[in-house]
Amino acid sequence: MTYETFLKLTLGLQKQERIIDNLYKNKIDLNEFIDPYHGLITLLIKEIYGEEGVDWFSWFCYENDYGTKDWSKTAVYEKKEDGTMEIVKEAGEVRWGATDENGNPICYSFESLWEFLESLRTKP
């Protein structure tokens, strides 16, 4: 998929999400109406980029709020061997929502997500 097509698809989805969210705030629930369309988009992304690709696409759109989420607002915890939780990153530290194995940010913008997804297409 070209970047231009990917951007149109993703920005269109973002725009529709905002419209639906605003309607929901005004007590108009169209979620059941739009669910089939989300299913079609998911099917398309999965066909092009595979299961891993659709997971990253969904994460970027819904958990990372289309690349606008500020991940520095909350602390990051890890579970220790004894079952307790420990803070590994304090709130307020600048950080990205996702990084590669070297700690470099990935999937933080439309373009970086597209590049990452395209790299999945070249995997054997």
PDB file of N, CA and C in Angstrom:
ATOM      1  N   MET A   1       0.855  -1.164   0.000  1.00  0.00           N
ATOM      2  CA  MET A   1       0.000   0.000   0.000  1.00  0.00           C
ATOM      3  C   MET A   1       0.907   1.234   0.000  1.00  0.00           C
ATOM      4  N   THR A   2       0.570   2.213  -0.815  1.00  0.00           N
ATOM      5  CA  THR A   2       1.378   3.431  -0.811  1.00  0.00           C
ATOM      6  C   THR A   2       1.124   4.215   0.473  1.00  0.00           C
ATOM      7  N   TYR A   3       2.070   5.074   0.807  1.00  0.00           N
ATOM      8  CA  TYR A   3       1.898   5.899   2.001  1.00  0.00           C
ATOM      9  C   TYR A   3       0.686   6.812   1.851  1.00  0.00           C
ATOM     10  N   GLU A   4       0.479   7.356   0.658  1.00  0.00           N
ATOM     11  CA  GLU A   4      -0.650   8.259   0.441  1.00  0.00           C
ATOM     12  C   GLU A   4      -1.983   7.554   0.699  1.00  0.00           C
ATOM     13  N   THR A   5      -2.135   6.326   0.196  1.00  0.00           N
ATOM     14  CA  THR A   5      -3.356   5.553   0.426  1.00  0.00           C
ATOM     15  C   THR A   5      -3.506   5.206   1.902  1.00  0.00           C
ATOM     16  N   PHE A   6      -2.406   4.784   2.517  1.00  0.00           N
ATOM     17  CA  PHE A   6      -2.427   4.449   3.943  1.00  0.00           C
ATOM     18  C   PHE A   6      -2.842   5.661   4.771  1.00  0.00           C
ATOM     19  N   LEU A   7      -2.299   6.820   4.446  1.00  0.00           N
ATOM     20  CA  LEU A   7      -2.622   8.042   5.187  1.00  0.00           C
ATOM     21  C   LEU A   7      -4.096   8.415   5.010  1.00  0.00           C
ATOM     22  N   LYS A   8      -4.621   8.315   3.792  1.00  0.00           N
ATOM     23  CA  LYS A   8      -6.046   8.599   3.567  1.00  0.00           C
ATOM     24  C   LYS A   8      -6.922   7.658   4.388  1.00  0.00           C
ATOM     25  N   LEU A   9      -6.572   6.378   4.384  1.00  0.00           N
ATOM     26  CA  LEU A   9      -7.339   5.390   5.144  1.00  0.00           C
ATOM     27  C   LEU A   9      -7.299   5.699   6.635  1.00  0.00           C
ATOM     28  N   THR A  10      -6.116   5.940   7.161  1.00  0.00           N
ATOM     29  CA  THR A  10      -5.957   6.145   8.601  1.00  0.00           C
ATOM     30  C   THR A  10      -6.546   7.476   9.058  1.00  0.00           C
ATOM     31  N   LEU A  11      -6.318   8.534   8.300  1.00  0.00           N
ATOM     32  CA  LEU A  11      -6.899   9.828   8.662  1.00  0.00           C
ATOM     33  C   LEU A  11      -8.424   9.799   8.542  1.00  0.00           C
ATOM     34  N   GLY A  12      -8.942   9.084   7.539  1.00  0.00           N
ATOM     35  CA  GLY A  12     -10.398   8.929   7.409  1.00  0.00           C
ATOM     36  C   GLY A  12     -10.983   8.193   8.600  1.00  0.00           C
ATOM     37  N   LEU A  13     -10.305   7.144   9.029  1.00  0.00           N
ATOM     38  CA  LEU A  13     -10.753   6.393  10.207  1.00  0.00           C
ATOM     39  C   LEU A  13     -10.712   7.276  11.450  1.00  0.00           C
ATOM     40  N   GLN A  14      -9.644   8.047  11.598  1.00  0.00           N
ATOM     41  CA  GLN A  14      -9.522   8.948  12.751  1.00  0.00           C
ATOM     42  C   GLN A  14     -10.654   9.984  12.755  1.00  0.00           C
ATOM     43  N   LYS A  15     -10.946  10.557  11.607  1.00  0.00           N
ATOM     44  CA  LYS A  15     -12.013  11.554  11.512  1.00  0.00           C
ATOM     45  C   LYS A  15     -13.358  10.949  11.906  1.00  0.00           C
ATOM     46  N   GLN A  16     -13.649   9.755  11.404  1.00  0.00           N
ATOM     47  CA  GLN A  16     -14.910   9.095  11.732  1.00  0.00           C
ATOM     48  C   GLN A  16     -14.988   8.751  13.219  1.00  0.00           C
ATOM     49  N   GLU A  17     -13.870   8.328  13.796  1.00  0.00           N
ATOM     50  CA  GLU A  17     -13.832   8.028  15.236  1.00  0.00           C
ATOM     51  C   GLU A  17     -14.188   9.268  16.053  1.00  0.00           C
ATOM     52  N   ARG A  18     -13.654  10.403  15.661  1.00  0.00           N
ATOM     53  CA  ARG A  18     -13.939  11.649  16.390  1.00  0.00           C
ATOM     54  C   ARG A  18     -15.409  12.042  16.262  1.00  0.00           C
ATOM     55  N   ILE A  19     -15.959  11.874  15.076  1.00  0.00           N
ATOM     56  CA  ILE A  19     -17.388  12.174  14.878  1.00  0.00           C
ATOM     57  C   ILE A  19     -18.234  11.265  15.758  1.00  0.00           C
ATOM     58  N   ILE A  20     -17.944   9.978  15.746  1.00  0.00           N
ATOM     59  CA  ILE A  20     -18.699   9.011  16.546  1.00  0.00           C
ATOM     60  C   ILE A  20     -18.549   9.314  18.034  1.00  0.00           C
ATOM     61  N   ASP A  21     -17.339   9.668  18.472  1.00  0.00           N
ATOM     62  CA  ASP A  21     -17.119  10.014  19.884  1.00  0.00           C
ATOM     63  C   ASP A  21     -17.932  11.235  20.287  1.00  0.00           C
ATOM     64  N   ASN A  22     -17.976  12.249  19.425  1.00  0.00           N
ATOM     65  CA  ASN A  22     -18.767  13.443  19.732  1.00  0.00           C
ATOM     66  C   ASN A  22     -20.258  13.141  19.779  1.00  0.00           C
ATOM     67  N   LEU A  23     -20.725  12.302  18.869  1.00  0.00           N
ATOM     68  CA  LEU A  23     -22.133  11.912  18.902  1.00  0.00           C
ATOM     69  C   LEU A  23     -22.449  11.138  20.180  1.00  0.00           C
ATOM     70  N   TYR A  24     -21.538  10.258  20.571  1.00  0.00           N
ATOM     71  CA  TYR A  24     -21.737   9.461  21.785  1.00  0.00           C
ATOM     72  C   TYR A  24     -21.832  10.365  23.017  1.00  0.00           C
ATOM     73  N   LYS A  25     -21.010  11.412  23.055  1.00  0.00           N
ATOM     74  CA  LYS A  25     -21.066  12.364  24.170  1.00  0.00           C
ATOM     75  C   LYS A  25     -22.420  13.073  24.227  1.00  0.00           C
ATOM     76  N   ASN A  26     -23.098  13.150  23.081  1.00  0.00           N
ATOM     77  CA  ASN A  26     -24.426  13.759  23.005  1.00  0.00           C
ATOM     78  C   ASN A  26     -25.540  12.712  23.047  1.00  0.00           C
ATOM     79  N   LYS A  27     -25.195  11.543  23.599  1.00  0.00           N
ATOM     80  CA  LYS A  27     -26.155  10.461  23.844  1.00  0.00           C
ATOM     81  C   LYS A  27     -26.671   9.786  22.563  1.00  0.00           C
ATOM     82  N   ILE A  28     -25.877   9.846  21.496  1.00  0.00           N
ATOM     83  CA  ILE A  28     -26.208   9.141  20.261  1.00  0.00           C
ATOM     84  C   ILE A  28     -25.177   8.037  20.084  1.00  0.00           C
ATOM     85  N   ASP A  29     -25.624   6.799  20.194  1.00  0.00           N
ATOM     86  CA  ASP A  29     -24.719   5.652  20.147  1.00  0.00           C
ATOM     87  C   ASP A  29     -24.815   4.965  18.790  1.00  0.00           C
ATOM     88  N   LEU A  30     -23.776   5.106  17.985  1.00  0.00           N
ATOM     89  CA  LEU A  30     -23.727   4.481  16.671  1.00  0.00           C
ATOM     90  C   LEU A  30     -22.686   3.364  16.610  1.00  0.00           C
ATOM     91  N   ASN A  31     -22.214   2.929  17.758  1.00  0.00           N
ATOM     92  CA  ASN A  31     -21.145   1.933  17.774  1.00  0.00           C
ATOM     93  C   ASN A  31     -21.539   0.639  17.068  1.00  0.00           C
ATOM     94  N   GLU A  32     -22.756   0.172  17.263  1.00  0.00           N
ATOM     95  CA  GLU A  32     -23.181  -1.058  16.581  1.00  0.00           C
ATOM     96  C   GLU A  32     -23.249  -0.848  15.069  1.00  0.00           C
ATOM     97  N   PHE A  33     -23.560   0.345  14.660  1.00  0.00           N
ATOM     98  CA  PHE A  33     -23.638   0.661  13.237  1.00  0.00           C
ATOM     99  C   PHE A  33     -22.255   0.645  12.592  1.00  0.00           C
ATOM    100  N   ILE A  34     -21.252   1.159  13.292  1.00  0.00           N
ATOM    101  CA  ILE A  34     -19.920   1.266  12.685  1.00  0.00           C
ATOM    102  C   ILE A  34     -19.055   0.026  12.882  1.00  0.00           C
ATOM    103  N   ASP A  35     -19.422  -0.864  13.780  1.00  0.00           N
ATOM    104  CA  ASP A  35     -18.617  -2.067  14.013  1.00  0.00           C
ATOM    105  C   ASP A  35     -18.324  -2.855  12.734  1.00  0.00           C
ATOM    106  N   PRO A  36     -19.292  -3.053  11.847  1.00  0.00           N
ATOM    107  CA  PRO A  36     -18.973  -3.788  10.612  1.00  0.00           C
ATOM    108  C   PRO A  36     -17.901  -3.096   9.766  1.00  0.00           C
ATOM    109  N   TYR A  37     -17.903  -1.769   9.758  1.00  0.00           N
ATOM    110  CA  TYR A  37     -16.895  -1.040   8.991  1.00  0.00           C
ATOM    111  C   TYR A  37     -15.503  -1.219   9.595  1.00  0.00           C
ATOM    112  N   HIS A  38     -15.440  -1.232  10.916  1.00  0.00           N
ATOM    113  CA  HIS A  38     -14.161  -1.503  11.579  1.00  0.00           C
ATOM    114  C   HIS A  38     -13.675  -2.905  11.239  1.00  0.00           C
ATOM    115  N   GLY A  39     -14.619  -3.840  11.167  1.00  0.00           N
ATOM    116  CA  GLY A  39     -14.273  -5.210  10.787  1.00  0.00           C
ATOM    117  C   GLY A  39     -13.693  -5.279   9.387  1.00  0.00           C
ATOM    118  N   LEU A  40     -14.247  -4.503   8.466  1.00  0.00           N
ATOM    119  CA  LEU A  40     -13.744  -4.487   7.092  1.00  0.00           C
ATOM    120  C   LEU A  40     -12.346  -3.875   7.019  1.00  0.00           C
ATOM    121  N   ILE A  41     -12.136  -2.801   7.736  1.00  0.00           N
ATOM    122  CA  ILE A  41     -10.812  -2.176   7.750  1.00  0.00           C
ATOM    123  C   ILE A  41      -9.796  -3.133   8.364  1.00  0.00           C
ATOM    124  N   THR A  42     -10.179  -3.791   9.451  1.00  0.00           N
ATOM    125  CA  THR A  42      -9.295  -4.761  10.087  1.00  0.00           C
ATOM    126  C   THR A  42      -8.952  -5.893   9.120  1.00  0.00           C
ATOM    127  N   LEU A  43      -9.943  -6.376   8.396  1.00  0.00           N
ATOM    128  CA  LEU A  43      -9.723  -7.435   7.412  1.00  0.00           C
ATOM    129  C   LEU A  43      -8.741  -6.984   6.332  1.00  0.00           C
ATOM    130  N   LEU A  44      -8.905  -5.764   5.858  1.00  0.00           N
ATOM    131  CA  LEU A  44      -8.011  -5.209   4.845  1.00  0.00           C
ATOM    132  C   LEU A  44      -6.578  -5.118   5.356  1.00  0.00           C
ATOM    133  N   ILE A  45      -6.407  -4.541   6.534  1.00  0.00           N
ATOM    134  CA  ILE A  45      -5.062  -4.398   7.107  1.00  0.00           C
ATOM    135  C   ILE A  45      -4.439  -5.770   7.349  1.00  0.00           C
ATOM    136  N   LYS A  46      -5.222  -6.712   7.832  1.00  0.00           N
ATOM    137  CA  LYS A  46      -4.706  -8.061   8.082  1.00  0.00           C
ATOM    138  C   LYS A  46      -4.271  -8.737   6.780  1.00  0.00           C
ATOM    139  N   GLU A  47      -5.048  -8.549   5.732  1.00  0.00           N
ATOM    140  CA  GLU A  47      -4.705  -9.145   4.435  1.00  0.00           C
ATOM    141  C   GLU A  47      -3.378  -8.597   3.909  1.00  0.00           C
ATOM    142  N   ILE A  48      -3.134  -7.321   4.129  1.00  0.00           N
ATOM    143  CA  ILE A  48      -1.923  -6.695   3.608  1.00  0.00           C
ATOM    144  C   ILE A  48      -0.724  -6.925   4.530  1.00  0.00           C
ATOM    145  N   TYR A  49      -0.925  -6.780   5.840  1.00  0.00           N
ATOM    146  CA  TYR A  49       0.208  -6.771   6.778  1.00  0.00           C
ATOM    147  C   TYR A  49       0.230  -7.938   7.756  1.00  0.00           C
ATOM    148  N   GLY A  50      -0.747  -8.809   7.708  1.00  0.00           N
ATOM    149  CA  GLY A  50      -0.759  -9.977   8.583  1.00  0.00           C
ATOM    150  C   GLY A  50      -1.295  -9.662   9.977  1.00  0.00           C
ATOM    151  N   GLU A  51      -1.315 -10.700  10.803  1.00  0.00           N
ATOM    152  CA  GLU A  51      -1.849 -10.583  12.172  1.00  0.00           C
ATOM    153  C   GLU A  51      -1.060  -9.577  12.999  1.00  0.00           C
ATOM    154  N   GLU A  52       0.273  -9.632  12.908  1.00  0.00           N
ATOM    155  CA  GLU A  52       1.098  -8.683  13.656  1.00  0.00           C
ATOM    156  C   GLU A  52       0.823  -7.257  13.200  1.00  0.00           C
ATOM    157  N   GLY A  53       0.640  -7.080  11.899  1.00  0.00           N
ATOM    158  CA  GLY A  53       0.363  -5.750  11.366  1.00  0.00           C
ATOM    159  C   GLY A  53      -0.945  -5.179  11.863  1.00  0.00           C
ATOM    160  N   VAL A  54      -1.984  -6.011  11.888  1.00  0.00           N
ATOM    161  CA  VAL A  54      -3.280  -5.522  12.362  1.00  0.00           C
ATOM    162  C   VAL A  54      -3.214  -5.208  13.859  1.00  0.00           C
ATOM    163  N   ASP A  55      -2.426  -5.965  14.607  1.00  0.00           N
ATOM    164  CA  ASP A  55      -2.252  -5.660  16.039  1.00  0.00           C
ATOM    165  C   ASP A  55      -1.599  -4.293  16.225  1.00  0.00           C
ATOM    166  N   TRP A  56      -0.547  -4.013  15.463  1.00  0.00           N
ATOM    167  CA  TRP A  56       0.130  -2.717  15.574  1.00  0.00           C
ATOM    168  C   TRP A  56      -0.759  -1.581  15.083  1.00  0.00           C
ATOM    169  N   PHE A  57      -1.481  -1.814  14.005  1.00  0.00           N
ATOM    170  CA  PHE A  57      -2.389  -0.792  13.490  1.00  0.00           C
ATOM    171  C   PHE A  57      -3.446  -0.448  14.531  1.00  0.00           C
ATOM    172  N   SER A  58      -4.046  -1.468  15.117  1.00  0.00           N
ATOM    173  CA  SER A  58      -5.067  -1.252  16.149  1.00  0.00           C
ATOM    174  C   SER A  58      -4.484  -0.546  17.361  1.00  0.00           C
ATOM    175  N   TRP A  59      -3.301  -0.957  17.778  1.00  0.00           N
ATOM    176  CA  TRP A  59      -2.646  -0.306  18.916  1.00  0.00           C
ATOM    177  C   TRP A  59      -2.439   1.177  18.630  1.00  0.00           C
ATOM    178  N   PHE A  60      -1.904   1.487  17.442  1.00  0.00           N
ATOM    179  CA  PHE A  60      -1.628   2.876  17.087  1.00  0.00           C
ATOM    180  C   PHE A  60      -2.904   3.712  17.100  1.00  0.00           C
ATOM    181  N   CYS A  61      -3.961   3.177  16.509  1.00  0.00           N
ATOM    182  CA  CYS A  61      -5.208   3.937  16.399  1.00  0.00           C
ATOM    183  C   CYS A  61      -5.914   4.095  17.738  1.00  0.00           C
ATOM    184  N   TYR A  62      -6.059   3.009  18.468  1.00  0.00           N
ATOM    185  CA  TYR A  62      -6.951   3.019  19.628  1.00  0.00           C
ATOM    186  C   TYR A  62      -6.237   3.208  20.962  1.00  0.00           C
ATOM    187  N   GLU A  63      -5.094   2.593  21.153  1.00  0.00           N
ATOM    188  CA  GLU A  63      -4.383   2.756  22.423  1.00  0.00           C
ATOM    189  C   GLU A  63      -3.433   3.945  22.395  1.00  0.00           C
ATOM    190  N   ASN A  64      -2.876   4.251  21.237  1.00  0.00           N
ATOM    191  CA  ASN A  64      -1.936   5.360  21.104  1.00  0.00           C
ATOM    192  C   ASN A  64      -2.624   6.610  20.555  1.00  0.00           C
ATOM    193  N   ASP A  65      -3.941   6.556  20.431  1.00  0.00           N
ATOM    194  CA  ASP A  65      -4.767   7.673  19.966  1.00  0.00           C
ATOM    195  C   ASP A  65      -4.187   8.331  18.713  1.00  0.00           C
ATOM    196  N   TYR A  66      -3.933   7.497  17.710  1.00  0.00           N
ATOM    197  CA  TYR A  66      -3.396   7.961  16.428  1.00  0.00           C
ATOM    198  C   TYR A  66      -2.098   8.750  16.591  1.00  0.00           C
ATOM    199  N   GLY A  67      -1.269   8.303  17.500  1.00  0.00           N
ATOM    200  CA  GLY A  67       0.039   8.916  17.708  1.00  0.00           C
ATOM    201  C   GLY A  67       0.040  10.156  18.568  1.00  0.00           C
ATOM    202  N   THR A  68      -1.087  10.484  19.200  1.00  0.00           N
ATOM    203  CA  THR A  68      -1.155  11.713  19.989  1.00  0.00           C
ATOM    204  C   THR A  68      -1.093  11.479  21.500  1.00  0.00           C
ATOM    205  N   LYS A  69      -1.104  10.228  21.935  1.00  0.00           N
ATOM    206  CA  LYS A  69      -1.108   9.954  23.372  1.00  0.00           C
ATOM    207  C   LYS A  69       0.220  10.382  24.008  1.00  0.00           C
ATOM    208  N   ASP A  70       0.123  11.011  25.161  1.00  0.00           N
ATOM    209  CA  ASP A  70       1.305  11.422  25.923  1.00  0.00           C
ATOM    210  C   ASP A  70       1.632  10.329  26.931  1.00  0.00           C
ATOM    211  N   TRP A  71       2.584   9.489  26.595  1.00  0.00           N
ATOM    212  CA  TRP A  71       2.938   8.340  27.423  1.00  0.00           C
ATOM    213  C   TRP A  71       3.688   8.738  28.689  1.00  0.00           C
ATOM    214  N   SER A  72       4.120   9.979  28.779  1.00  0.00           N
ATOM    215  CA  SER A  72       4.886  10.396  29.955  1.00  0.00           C
ATOM    216  C   SER A  72       3.995  10.720  31.152  1.00  0.00           C
ATOM    217  N   LYS A  73       2.677  10.696  30.985  1.00  0.00           N
ATOM    218  CA  LYS A  73       1.775  11.069  32.077  1.00  0.00           C
ATOM    219  C   LYS A  73       1.625  10.002  33.154  1.00  0.00           C
ATOM    220  N   THR A  74       1.961   8.775  32.836  1.00  0.00           N
ATOM    221  CA  THR A  74       1.792   7.702  33.820  1.00  0.00           C
ATOM    222  C   THR A  74       3.098   6.945  34.012  1.00  0.00           C
ATOM    223  N   ALA A  75       3.231   6.379  35.182  1.00  0.00           N
ATOM    224  CA  ALA A  75       4.413   5.574  35.482  1.00  0.00           C
ATOM    225  C   ALA A  75       4.299   4.218  34.779  1.00  0.00           C
ATOM    226  N   VAL A  76       5.445   3.579  34.605  1.00  0.00           N
ATOM    227  CA  VAL A  76       5.489   2.239  34.031  1.00  0.00           C
ATOM    228  C   VAL A  76       5.911   1.278  35.133  1.00  0.00           C
ATOM    229  N   TYR A  77       5.167   0.189  35.273  1.00  0.00           N
ATOM    230  CA  TYR A  77       5.432  -0.795  36.314  1.00  0.00           C
ATOM    231  C   TYR A  77       5.848  -2.124  35.697  1.00  0.00           C
ATOM    232  N   GLU A  78       6.652  -2.865  36.440  1.00  0.00           N
ATOM    233  CA  GLU A  78       6.988  -4.239  36.076  1.00  0.00           C
ATOM    234  C   GLU A  78       6.741  -5.127  37.275  1.00  0.00           C
ATOM    235  N   LYS A  79       6.298  -6.338  36.982  1.00  0.00           N
ATOM    236  CA  LYS A  79       6.058  -7.300  38.045  1.00  0.00           C
ATOM    237  C   LYS A  79       7.377  -7.978  38.401  1.00  0.00           C
ATOM    238  N   LYS A  80       7.698  -7.973  39.689  1.00  0.00           N
ATOM    239  CA  LYS A  80       8.926  -8.609  40.158  1.00  0.00           C
ATOM    240  C   LYS A  80       8.674 -10.094  40.386  1.00  0.00           C
ATOM    241  N   GLU A  81       9.735 -10.837  40.584  1.00  0.00           N
ATOM    242  CA  GLU A  81       9.631 -12.289  40.788  1.00  0.00           C
ATOM    243  C   GLU A  81       8.779 -12.644  41.995  1.00  0.00           C
ATOM    244  N   ASP A  82       8.785 -11.789  43.031  1.00  0.00           N
ATOM    245  CA  ASP A  82       8.001 -12.085  44.230  1.00  0.00           C
ATOM    246  C   ASP A  82       6.522 -11.701  44.087  1.00  0.00           C
ATOM    247  N   GLY A  83       6.145 -11.228  42.875  1.00  0.00           N
ATOM    248  CA  GLY A  83       4.752 -10.891  42.615  1.00  0.00           C
ATOM    249  C   GLY A  83       4.404  -9.440  42.874  1.00  0.00           C
ATOM    250  N   THR A  84       5.294  -8.673  43.495  1.00  0.00           N
ATOM    251  CA  THR A  84       5.018  -7.261  43.735  1.00  0.00           C
ATOM    252  C   THR A  84       5.342  -6.447  42.484  1.00  0.00           C
ATOM    253  N   MET A  85       4.820  -5.248  42.464  1.00  0.00           N
ATOM    254  CA  MET A  85       5.049  -4.361  41.324  1.00  0.00           C
ATOM    255  C   MET A  85       6.063  -3.299  41.706  1.00  0.00           C
ATOM    256  N   GLU A  86       6.891  -2.933  40.732  1.00  0.00           N
ATOM    257  CA  GLU A  86       7.882  -1.894  40.980  1.00  0.00           C
ATOM    258  C   GLU A  86       7.867  -0.901  39.827  1.00  0.00           C
ATOM    259  N   ILE A  87       8.025   0.376  40.150  1.00  0.00           N
ATOM    260  CA  ILE A  87       8.065   1.416  39.122  1.00  0.00           C
ATOM    261  C   ILE A  87       9.416   1.342  38.417  1.00  0.00           C
ATOM    262  N   VAL A  88       9.369   1.238  37.080  1.00  0.00           N
ATOM    263  CA  VAL A  88      10.614   1.221  36.308  1.00  0.00           C
ATOM    264  C   VAL A  88      10.818   2.535  35.558  1.00  0.00           C
ATOM    265  N   LYS A  89       9.741   3.298  35.382  1.00  0.00           N
ATOM    266  CA  LYS A  89       9.829   4.632  34.785  1.00  0.00           C
ATOM    267  C   LYS A  89       8.825   5.520  35.490  1.00  0.00           C
ATOM    268  N   GLU A  90       9.293   6.633  35.984  1.00  0.00           N
ATOM    269  CA  GLU A  90       8.432   7.581  36.693  1.00  0.00           C
ATOM    270  C   GLU A  90       7.559   8.362  35.708  1.00  0.00           C
ATOM    271  N   ALA A  91       6.410   8.804  36.164  1.00  0.00           N
ATOM    272  CA  ALA A  91       5.575   9.712  35.375  1.00  0.00           C
ATOM    273  C   ALA A  91       6.371  10.988  35.148  1.00  0.00           C
ATOM    274  N   GLY A  92       6.212  11.572  33.998  1.00  0.00           N
ATOM    275  CA  GLY A  92       6.916  12.798  33.672  1.00  0.00           C
ATOM    276  C   GLY A  92       8.138  12.585  32.805  1.00  0.00           C
ATOM    277  N   GLU A  93       8.642  11.359  32.734  1.00  0.00           N
ATOM    278  CA  GLU A  93       9.773  11.077  31.856  1.00  0.00           C
ATOM    279  C   GLU A  93       9.285  11.058  30.410  1.00  0.00           C
ATOM    280  N   VAL A  94      10.041  11.652  29.514  1.00  0.00           N
ATOM    281  CA  VAL A  94       9.687  11.620  28.105  1.00  0.00           C
ATOM    282  C   VAL A  94       9.902  10.204  27.591  1.00  0.00           C
ATOM    283  N   ARG A  95       8.884   9.657  26.954  1.00  0.00           N
ATOM    284  CA  ARG A  95       9.019   8.314  26.388  1.00  0.00           C
ATOM    285  C   ARG A  95       7.958   8.092  25.328  1.00  0.00           C
ATOM    286  N   TRP A  96       8.179   7.047  24.567  1.00  0.00           N
ATOM    287  CA  TRP A  96       7.277   6.667  23.488  1.00  0.00           C
ATOM    288  C   TRP A  96       6.437   5.494  23.941  1.00  0.00           C
ATOM    289  N   GLY A  97       5.341   5.268  23.259  1.00  0.00           N
ATOM    290  CA  GLY A  97       4.470   4.162  23.599  1.00  0.00           C
ATOM    291  C   GLY A  97       5.045   2.811  23.237  1.00  0.00           C
ATOM    292  N   ALA A  98       5.859   2.760  22.174  1.00  0.00           N
ATOM    293  CA  ALA A  98       6.441   1.486  21.743  1.00  0.00           C
ATOM    294  C   ALA A  98       7.858   1.732  21.238  1.00  0.00           C
ATOM    295  N   THR A  99       8.724   0.777  21.519  1.00  0.00           N
ATOM    296  CA  THR A  99      10.108   0.863  21.052  1.00  0.00           C
ATOM    297  C   THR A  99      10.541  -0.486  20.493  1.00  0.00           C
ATOM    298  N   ASP A 100      11.584  -0.455  19.683  1.00  0.00           N
ATOM    299  CA  ASP A 100      12.137  -1.702  19.175  1.00  0.00           C
ATOM    300  C   ASP A 100      13.092  -2.298  20.214  1.00  0.00           C
ATOM    301  N   GLU A 101      13.753  -3.375  19.847  1.00  0.00           N
ATOM    302  CA  GLU A 101      14.640  -4.070  20.788  1.00  0.00           C
ATOM    303  C   GLU A 101      15.827  -3.218  21.230  1.00  0.00           C
ATOM    304  N   ASN A 102      16.117  -2.135  20.496  1.00  0.00           N
ATOM    305  CA  ASN A 102      17.222  -1.241  20.859  1.00  0.00           C
ATOM    306  C   ASN A 102      16.756   0.009  21.598  1.00  0.00           C
ATOM    307  N   GLY A 103      15.473   0.081  21.897  1.00  0.00           N
ATOM    308  CA  GLY A 103      14.931   1.234  22.609  1.00  0.00           C
ATOM    309  C   GLY A 103      14.560   2.409  21.714  1.00  0.00           C
ATOM    310  N   ASN A 104      14.619   2.213  20.401  1.00  0.00           N
ATOM    311  CA  ASN A 104      14.243   3.273  19.463  1.00  0.00           C
ATOM    312  C   ASN A 104      12.724   3.302  19.299  1.00  0.00           C
ATOM    313  N   PRO A 105      12.123   4.488  19.279  1.00  0.00           N
ATOM    314  CA  PRO A 105      10.666   4.564  19.145  1.00  0.00           C
ATOM    315  C   PRO A 105      10.186   4.013  17.804  1.00  0.00           C
ATOM    316  N   ILE A 106       9.054   3.313  17.841  1.00  0.00           N
ATOM    317  CA  ILE A 106       8.419   2.809  16.630  1.00  0.00           C
ATOM    318  C   ILE A 106       6.934   3.148  16.686  1.00  0.00           C
ATOM    319  N   CYS A 107       6.322   3.225  15.526  1.00  0.00           N
ATOM    320  CA  CYS A 107       4.867   3.423  15.406  1.00  0.00           C
ATOM    321  C   CYS A 107       4.383   4.633  16.205  1.00  0.00           C
ATOM    322  N   TYR A 108       5.098   5.725  16.117  1.00  0.00           N
ATOM    323  CA  TYR A 108       4.754   6.932  16.873  1.00  0.00           C
ATOM    324  C   TYR A 108       4.083   8.004  16.012  1.00  0.00           C
ATOM    325  N   SER A 109       4.053   7.799  14.701  1.00  0.00           N
ATOM    326  CA  SER A 109       3.410   8.736  13.777  1.00  0.00           C
ATOM    327  C   SER A 109       2.813   7.920  12.638  1.00  0.00           C
ATOM    328  N   PHE A 110       2.019   8.562  11.812  1.00  0.00           N
ATOM    329  CA  PHE A 110       1.432   7.856  10.676  1.00  0.00           C
ATOM    330  C   PHE A 110       2.527   7.268   9.790  1.00  0.00           C
ATOM    331  N   GLU A 111       3.536   8.081   9.499  1.00  0.00           N
ATOM    332  CA  GLU A 111       4.602   7.622   8.612  1.00  0.00           C
ATOM    333  C   GLU A 111       5.429   6.505   9.238  1.00  0.00           C
ATOM    334  N   SER A 112       5.757   6.638  10.522  1.00  0.00           N
ATOM    335  CA  SER A 112       6.558   5.580  11.158  1.00  0.00           C
ATOM    336  C   SER A 112       5.762   4.285  11.278  1.00  0.00           C
ATOM    337  N   LEU A 113       4.449   4.380  11.489  1.00  0.00           N
ATOM    338  CA  LEU A 113       3.618   3.181  11.508  1.00  0.00           C
ATOM    339  C   LEU A 113       3.604   2.529  10.135  1.00  0.00           C
ATOM    340  N   TRP A 114       3.399   3.320   9.082  1.00  0.00           N
ATOM    341  CA  TRP A 114       3.377   2.786   7.727  1.00  0.00           C
ATOM    342  C   TRP A 114       4.703   2.104   7.392  1.00  0.00           C
ATOM    343  N   GLU A 115       5.817   2.764   7.725  1.00  0.00           N
ATOM    344  CA  GLU A 115       7.130   2.164   7.462  1.00  0.00           C
ATOM    345  C   GLU A 115       7.286   0.836   8.199  1.00  0.00           C
ATOM    346  N   PHE A 116       6.854   0.796   9.455  1.00  0.00           N
ATOM    347  CA  PHE A 116       6.952  -0.430  10.223  1.00  0.00           C
ATOM    348  C   PHE A 116       6.080  -1.530   9.603  1.00  0.00           C
ATOM    349  N   LEU A 117       4.861  -1.182   9.245  1.00  0.00           N
ATOM    350  CA  LEU A 117       3.966  -2.173   8.634  1.00  0.00           C
ATOM    351  C   LEU A 117       4.521  -2.666   7.297  1.00  0.00           C
ATOM    352  N   GLU A 118       5.062  -1.767   6.526  1.00  0.00           N
ATOM    353  CA  GLU A 118       5.659  -2.176   5.250  1.00  0.00           C
ATOM    354  C   GLU A 118       6.827  -3.139   5.485  1.00  0.00           C
ATOM    355  N   SER A 119       7.563  -2.954   6.568  1.00  0.00           N
ATOM    356  CA  SER A 119       8.680  -3.863   6.854  1.00  0.00           C
ATOM    357  C   SER A 119       8.157  -5.273   7.166  1.00  0.00           C
ATOM    358  N   LEU A 120       6.936  -5.368   7.676  1.00  0.00           N
ATOM    359  CA  LEU A 120       6.350  -6.677   7.933  1.00  0.00           C
ATOM    360  C   LEU A 120       6.048  -7.422   6.634  1.00  0.00           C
ATOM    361  N   ARG A 121       5.749  -6.691   5.605  1.00  0.00           N
ATOM    362  CA  ARG A 121       5.449  -7.311   4.302  1.00  0.00           C
ATOM    363  C   ARG A 121       6.670  -7.990   3.709  1.00  0.00           C
ATOM    364  N   THR A 122       7.847  -7.530   4.086  1.00  0.00           N
ATOM    365  CA  THR A 122       9.068  -8.101   3.518  1.00  0.00           C
ATOM    366  C   THR A 122       9.606  -9.273   4.329  1.00  0.00           C
ATOM    367  N   LYS A 123       8.991  -9.532   5.482  1.00  0.00           N
ATOM    368  CA  LYS A 123       9.437 -10.677   6.285  1.00  0.00           C
ATOM    369  C   LYS A 123       9.010 -11.964   5.597  1.00  0.00           C
ATOM    370  N   PRO A 124       9.875 -12.984   5.647  1.00  0.00           N
ATOM    371  CA  PRO A 124       9.516 -14.256   5.010  1.00  0.00           C
ATOM    372  C   PRO A 124       8.371 -14.956   5.708  1.00  0.00           C
TER     373      PRO A 124
END
